[in-house]
């Protein structure tokens, strides 16, 4: 099965990449692309061409080529002989978080890819461009804006659990369990239970699967209600 990626698409013509019915997806991002914890993506992070049909997704091609917080122009190519295997669904380009926190809790080490060119660890992924037709031909899927922290699908990430709230000096400290290191968490505050917003002076904190984290925000006059949220 012929599946190829042409990276760094400078100065090359589409015709150079094979059959007229090949599926070709040209992609890039302007940056800065962020992880779900708000930090900039590492060099050599992965962007992937993903096929979706119903509730099933298949990562078909992976480009481990992030540079300076963005994806340089890359051409994903599916040979025309293989396009027929992908009918009735759509294609999308995703940014993957492949950091290996088990190896490096600081989040500065990528898992790398296996012999098939697929990442060994995928924490979460963010859809950058979706809904590309499954038929052959050339498609431009370059993003207009960088990938934000709030773009990631956190469906399979556990809900954080508040385990304690206390006043420490001029601040409110909320203790939270059940978090993950690849996600950033913050506090939303409101004067009632229907209107919440993240205070401008409230910092976010990366999660920790092994222990509780503390979220801190200044105490305001009057009643305050809080809820934990992921950063956007």
Protein backbone atom coordinates (compact mmCIF):
# COMPACT_ATOMS: atom_id res chain seq x y z
CA UNK A 1 0.00 0.00 0.00
CA UNK A 2 1.53 3.26 -1.09
CA UNK A 3 1.13 6.09 1.39
CA UNK A 4 3.61 8.94 1.30
CA UNK A 5 4.23 12.31 2.87
CA UNK A 6 6.08 15.06 1.05
CA UNK A 7 7.42 17.46 3.64
CA UNK A 8 8.61 21.01 3.10
CA UNK A 9 6.65 21.57 -0.10
CA UNK A 10 8.78 24.50 -1.34
CA UNK A 11 9.17 24.83 -5.09
CA UNK A 12 7.48 21.54 -6.06
CA UNK A 13 4.49 21.04 -8.34
CA UNK A 14 1.48 18.91 -7.53
CA UNK A 15 2.03 16.92 -10.72
CA UNK A 16 5.31 15.64 -9.34
CA UNK A 17 3.52 13.54 -6.74
CA UNK A 18 1.89 10.84 -8.85
CA UNK A 19 -1.48 9.88 -10.31
CA UNK A 20 -4.15 12.34 -11.28
CA UNK A 21 -6.58 10.71 -8.81
CA UNK A 22 -4.23 10.68 -5.84
CA UNK A 23 -5.66 12.37 -2.79
CA UNK A 24 -3.37 15.33 -2.07
CA UNK A 25 -3.81 17.54 0.98
CA UNK A 26 -1.62 20.62 1.28
CA UNK A 27 -1.34 21.81 4.89
CA UNK A 28 0.41 24.36 7.08
CA UNK A 29 -0.30 26.51 10.14
CA UNK A 30 0.76 30.12 10.83
CA UNK A 31 1.39 29.41 14.53
CA UNK A 32 1.78 29.75 17.33
CA UNK A 33 0.29 26.30 17.89
CA UNK A 34 -0.36 25.40 21.53
CA UNK A 35 -0.87 22.27 23.57
CA UNK A 36 -3.92 21.91 25.81
CA UNK A 37 -1.82 23.19 28.72
CA UNK A 38 -1.15 26.45 26.86
CA UNK A 39 2.52 25.85 26.07
CA UNK A 40 3.88 26.08 22.55
CA UNK A 41 4.24 22.82 20.61
CA UNK A 42 7.71 21.32 20.62
CA UNK A 43 9.85 21.04 17.51
CA UNK A 44 9.13 17.74 15.71
CA UNK A 45 5.64 17.45 17.15
CA UNK A 46 3.20 15.54 14.94
CA UNK A 47 0.49 16.68 12.57
CA UNK A 48 -1.67 13.87 11.18
CA UNK A 49 -4.02 13.18 8.30
CA UNK A 50 -6.97 11.39 9.90
CA UNK A 51 -9.85 9.59 8.21
CA UNK A 52 -13.23 9.68 9.98
CA UNK A 53 -16.24 7.53 9.17
CA UNK A 54 -19.03 7.61 11.70
CA UNK A 55 -17.52 7.25 15.16
CA UNK A 56 -14.35 5.57 13.91
CA UNK A 57 -11.12 7.47 13.23
CA UNK A 58 -7.95 6.19 11.58
CA UNK A 59 -4.68 8.08 11.67
CA UNK A 60 -3.37 7.36 8.18
CA UNK A 61 -0.32 9.62 7.80
CA UNK A 62 1.75 11.43 10.39
CA UNK A 63 4.20 14.28 9.85
CA UNK A 64 6.55 14.78 12.84
CA UNK A 65 7.74 18.15 11.61
CA UNK A 66 6.59 21.04 13.80
CA UNK A 67 9.13 23.85 13.79
CA UNK A 68 9.12 27.08 15.77
CA UNK A 69 5.57 26.49 17.01
CA UNK A 70 3.93 25.81 13.66
CA UNK A 71 3.61 23.34 10.81
CA UNK A 72 5.64 24.25 7.71
CA UNK A 73 3.98 23.53 4.34
CA UNK A 74 3.57 19.78 3.91
CA UNK A 75 1.80 17.66 1.34
CA UNK A 76 -0.07 14.57 2.53
CA UNK A 77 -0.49 12.10 -0.36
CA UNK A 78 -2.67 9.00 -0.63
CA UNK A 79 -2.09 6.93 -3.75
CA UNK A 80 -5.07 6.68 -6.10
CA UNK A 81 -5.05 2.90 -5.69
CA UNK A 82 -5.72 3.33 -1.98
CA UNK A 83 -8.29 6.13 -2.14
CA UNK A 84 -11.03 3.56 -2.85
CA UNK A 85 -10.43 2.12 0.65
CA UNK A 86 -11.64 5.39 2.16
CA UNK A 87 -15.18 6.02 0.95
CA UNK A 88 -18.18 7.45 2.75
CA UNK A 89 -16.18 9.42 5.30
CA UNK A 90 -14.10 12.57 5.44
CA UNK A 91 -10.49 13.57 6.04
CA UNK A 92 -9.14 16.00 8.57
CA UNK A 93 -5.77 17.29 9.71
CA UNK A 94 -5.03 17.13 13.43
CA UNK A 95 -2.31 18.36 15.76
CA UNK A 96 -1.29 15.56 18.11
CA UNK A 97 0.13 15.88 21.61
CA UNK A 98 2.74 13.13 21.70
CA UNK A 99 4.66 14.20 24.80
CA UNK A 100 5.84 11.32 26.97
CA UNK A 101 5.15 12.40 30.54
CA UNK A 102 6.04 8.96 31.89
CA UNK A 103 9.57 9.42 30.58
CA UNK A 104 9.84 13.16 31.28
CA UNK A 105 7.32 14.75 33.70
CA UNK A 106 8.41 18.23 32.55
CA UNK A 107 6.68 17.66 29.21
CA UNK A 108 9.75 18.47 27.14
CA UNK A 109 10.21 15.03 25.56
CA UNK A 110 8.24 13.62 22.65
CA UNK A 111 7.43 9.91 22.46
CA UNK A 112 8.77 9.59 18.92
CA UNK A 113 7.30 7.42 16.17
CA UNK A 114 7.34 3.66 15.64
CA UNK A 115 8.48 1.68 12.59
CA UNK A 116 5.17 2.43 10.86
CA UNK A 117 5.71 6.15 11.33
CA UNK A 118 3.00 6.52 13.95
CA UNK A 119 3.54 8.19 17.34
CA UNK A 120 4.11 5.89 20.30
CA UNK A 121 2.02 8.12 22.62
CA UNK A 122 -0.96 10.34 21.80
CA UNK A 123 -2.39 12.18 24.80
CA UNK A 124 -5.02 14.22 22.95
CA UNK A 125 -5.48 15.75 19.52
CA UNK A 126 -6.90 18.96 18.10
CA UNK A 127 -8.76 19.24 14.82
CA UNK A 128 -7.10 21.89 12.67
CA UNK A 129 -8.97 21.38 9.40
CA UNK A 130 -11.86 18.96 8.95
CA UNK A 131 -14.40 17.85 6.37
CA UNK A 132 -12.06 17.26 3.42
CA UNK A 133 -13.77 15.09 0.79
CA UNK A 134 -12.66 11.47 0.54
CA UNK A 135 -12.34 11.47 -3.25
CA UNK A 136 -9.06 12.07 -5.04
CA UNK A 137 -7.67 15.40 -6.13
CA UNK A 138 -5.88 18.36 -4.61
CA UNK A 139 -7.11 19.97 -1.40
CA UNK A 140 -5.75 23.00 0.42
CA UNK A 141 -6.24 22.66 4.17
CA UNK A 142 -3.85 25.32 5.45
CA UNK A 143 -5.05 26.87 8.70
CA UNK A 144 -5.68 30.58 9.00
CA UNK A 145 -4.88 30.82 12.71
CA UNK A 146 -2.70 28.93 15.18
CA UNK A 147 -4.06 26.02 17.17
CA UNK A 148 -5.40 27.23 20.53
CA UNK A 149 -5.26 25.33 23.83
CA UNK A 150 -9.04 25.03 23.78
CA UNK A 151 -9.11 23.24 20.41
CA UNK A 152 -8.32 19.79 21.81
CA UNK A 153 -10.87 17.03 22.18
CA UNK A 154 -10.91 16.31 25.91
CA UNK A 155 -13.83 13.87 25.79
CA UNK A 156 -11.74 11.02 27.18
CA UNK A 157 -9.96 13.15 29.80
CA UNK A 158 -11.36 12.65 33.34
CA UNK A 159 -13.34 15.46 34.90
CA UNK A 160 -11.34 17.33 37.57
CA UNK A 161 -12.59 16.96 41.14
CA UNK A 162 -12.47 19.75 43.73
CA UNK A 163 -11.22 18.35 47.04
CA UNK A 164 -10.81 21.51 49.09
CA UNK A 165 -11.27 25.29 49.24
CA UNK A 166 -9.55 27.62 51.69
CA UNK A 167 -8.63 31.27 52.18
CA UNK A 168 -4.90 31.99 52.37
CA UNK A 169 -4.23 35.66 52.98
CA UNK A 170 -5.74 37.66 50.13
CA UNK A 171 -6.26 34.58 47.94
CA UNK A 172 -8.67 31.71 47.50
CA UNK A 173 -6.92 28.36 47.03
CA UNK A 174 -8.89 25.55 45.41
CA UNK A 175 -7.37 22.05 45.58
CA UNK A 176 -8.15 19.81 42.63
CA UNK A 177 -7.63 16.09 41.98
CA UNK A 178 -8.10 13.86 38.91
CA UNK A 179 -6.14 16.08 36.52
CA UNK A 180 -3.76 15.29 33.68
CA UNK A 181 -0.33 16.81 32.97
CA UNK A 182 -1.05 17.60 29.31
CA UNK A 183 -4.03 19.83 30.18
CA UNK A 184 -4.04 23.32 31.72
CA UNK A 185 -6.60 24.08 34.43
CA UNK A 186 -7.86 27.38 35.79
CA UNK A 187 -10.62 28.79 37.95
CA UNK A 188 -13.75 30.52 36.77
CA UNK A 189 -15.34 32.85 39.29
CA UNK A 190 -18.77 34.44 39.57
CA UNK A 191 -21.01 36.30 41.96
CA UNK A 192 -23.75 33.71 41.36
CA UNK A 193 -24.03 30.20 39.98
CA UNK A 194 -25.10 31.23 36.48
CA UNK A 195 -22.38 33.66 35.40
CA UNK A 196 -18.77 32.58 35.47
CA UNK A 197 -15.61 34.02 33.93
CA UNK A 198 -11.88 33.53 34.37
CA UNK A 199 -10.50 36.53 36.31
CA UNK A 200 -7.77 38.37 34.42
CA UNK A 201 -5.31 37.91 37.28
CA UNK A 202 -5.80 34.14 37.64
CA UNK A 203 -3.02 31.88 36.34
CA UNK A 204 -3.46 28.40 34.92
CA UNK A 205 -1.75 25.27 36.23
CA UNK A 206 -0.86 22.08 34.38
CA UNK A 207 -2.48 18.97 35.81
CA UNK A 208 -0.79 16.10 37.61
CA UNK A 209 -2.15 12.55 37.47
CA UNK A 210 -0.22 11.53 40.60
CA UNK A 211 -1.19 14.28 43.03
CA UNK A 212 -3.53 17.19 43.66
CA UNK A 213 -2.92 20.65 42.22
CA UNK A 214 -3.77 24.05 43.69
CA UNK A 215 -5.53 26.80 41.76
CA UNK A 216 -5.20 30.29 43.23
CA UNK A 217 -7.24 33.43 42.59
CA UNK A 218 -7.56 36.72 44.52
CA UNK A 219 -10.42 36.93 46.98
CA UNK A 220 -13.02 39.53 46.05
CA UNK A 221 -15.53 41.37 48.21
CA UNK A 222 -18.93 39.76 48.48
CA UNK A 223 -19.98 36.25 47.57
CA UNK A 224 -17.83 34.24 45.20
CA UNK A 225 -18.60 30.99 43.43
CA UNK A 226 -15.93 28.94 41.67
CA UNK A 227 -15.66 26.16 39.15
CA UNK A 228 -12.64 24.48 37.60
CA UNK A 229 -12.23 24.67 33.85
CA UNK A 230 -9.66 23.83 31.22
CA UNK A 231 -7.91 26.75 29.55
CA UNK A 232 -8.95 28.06 26.18
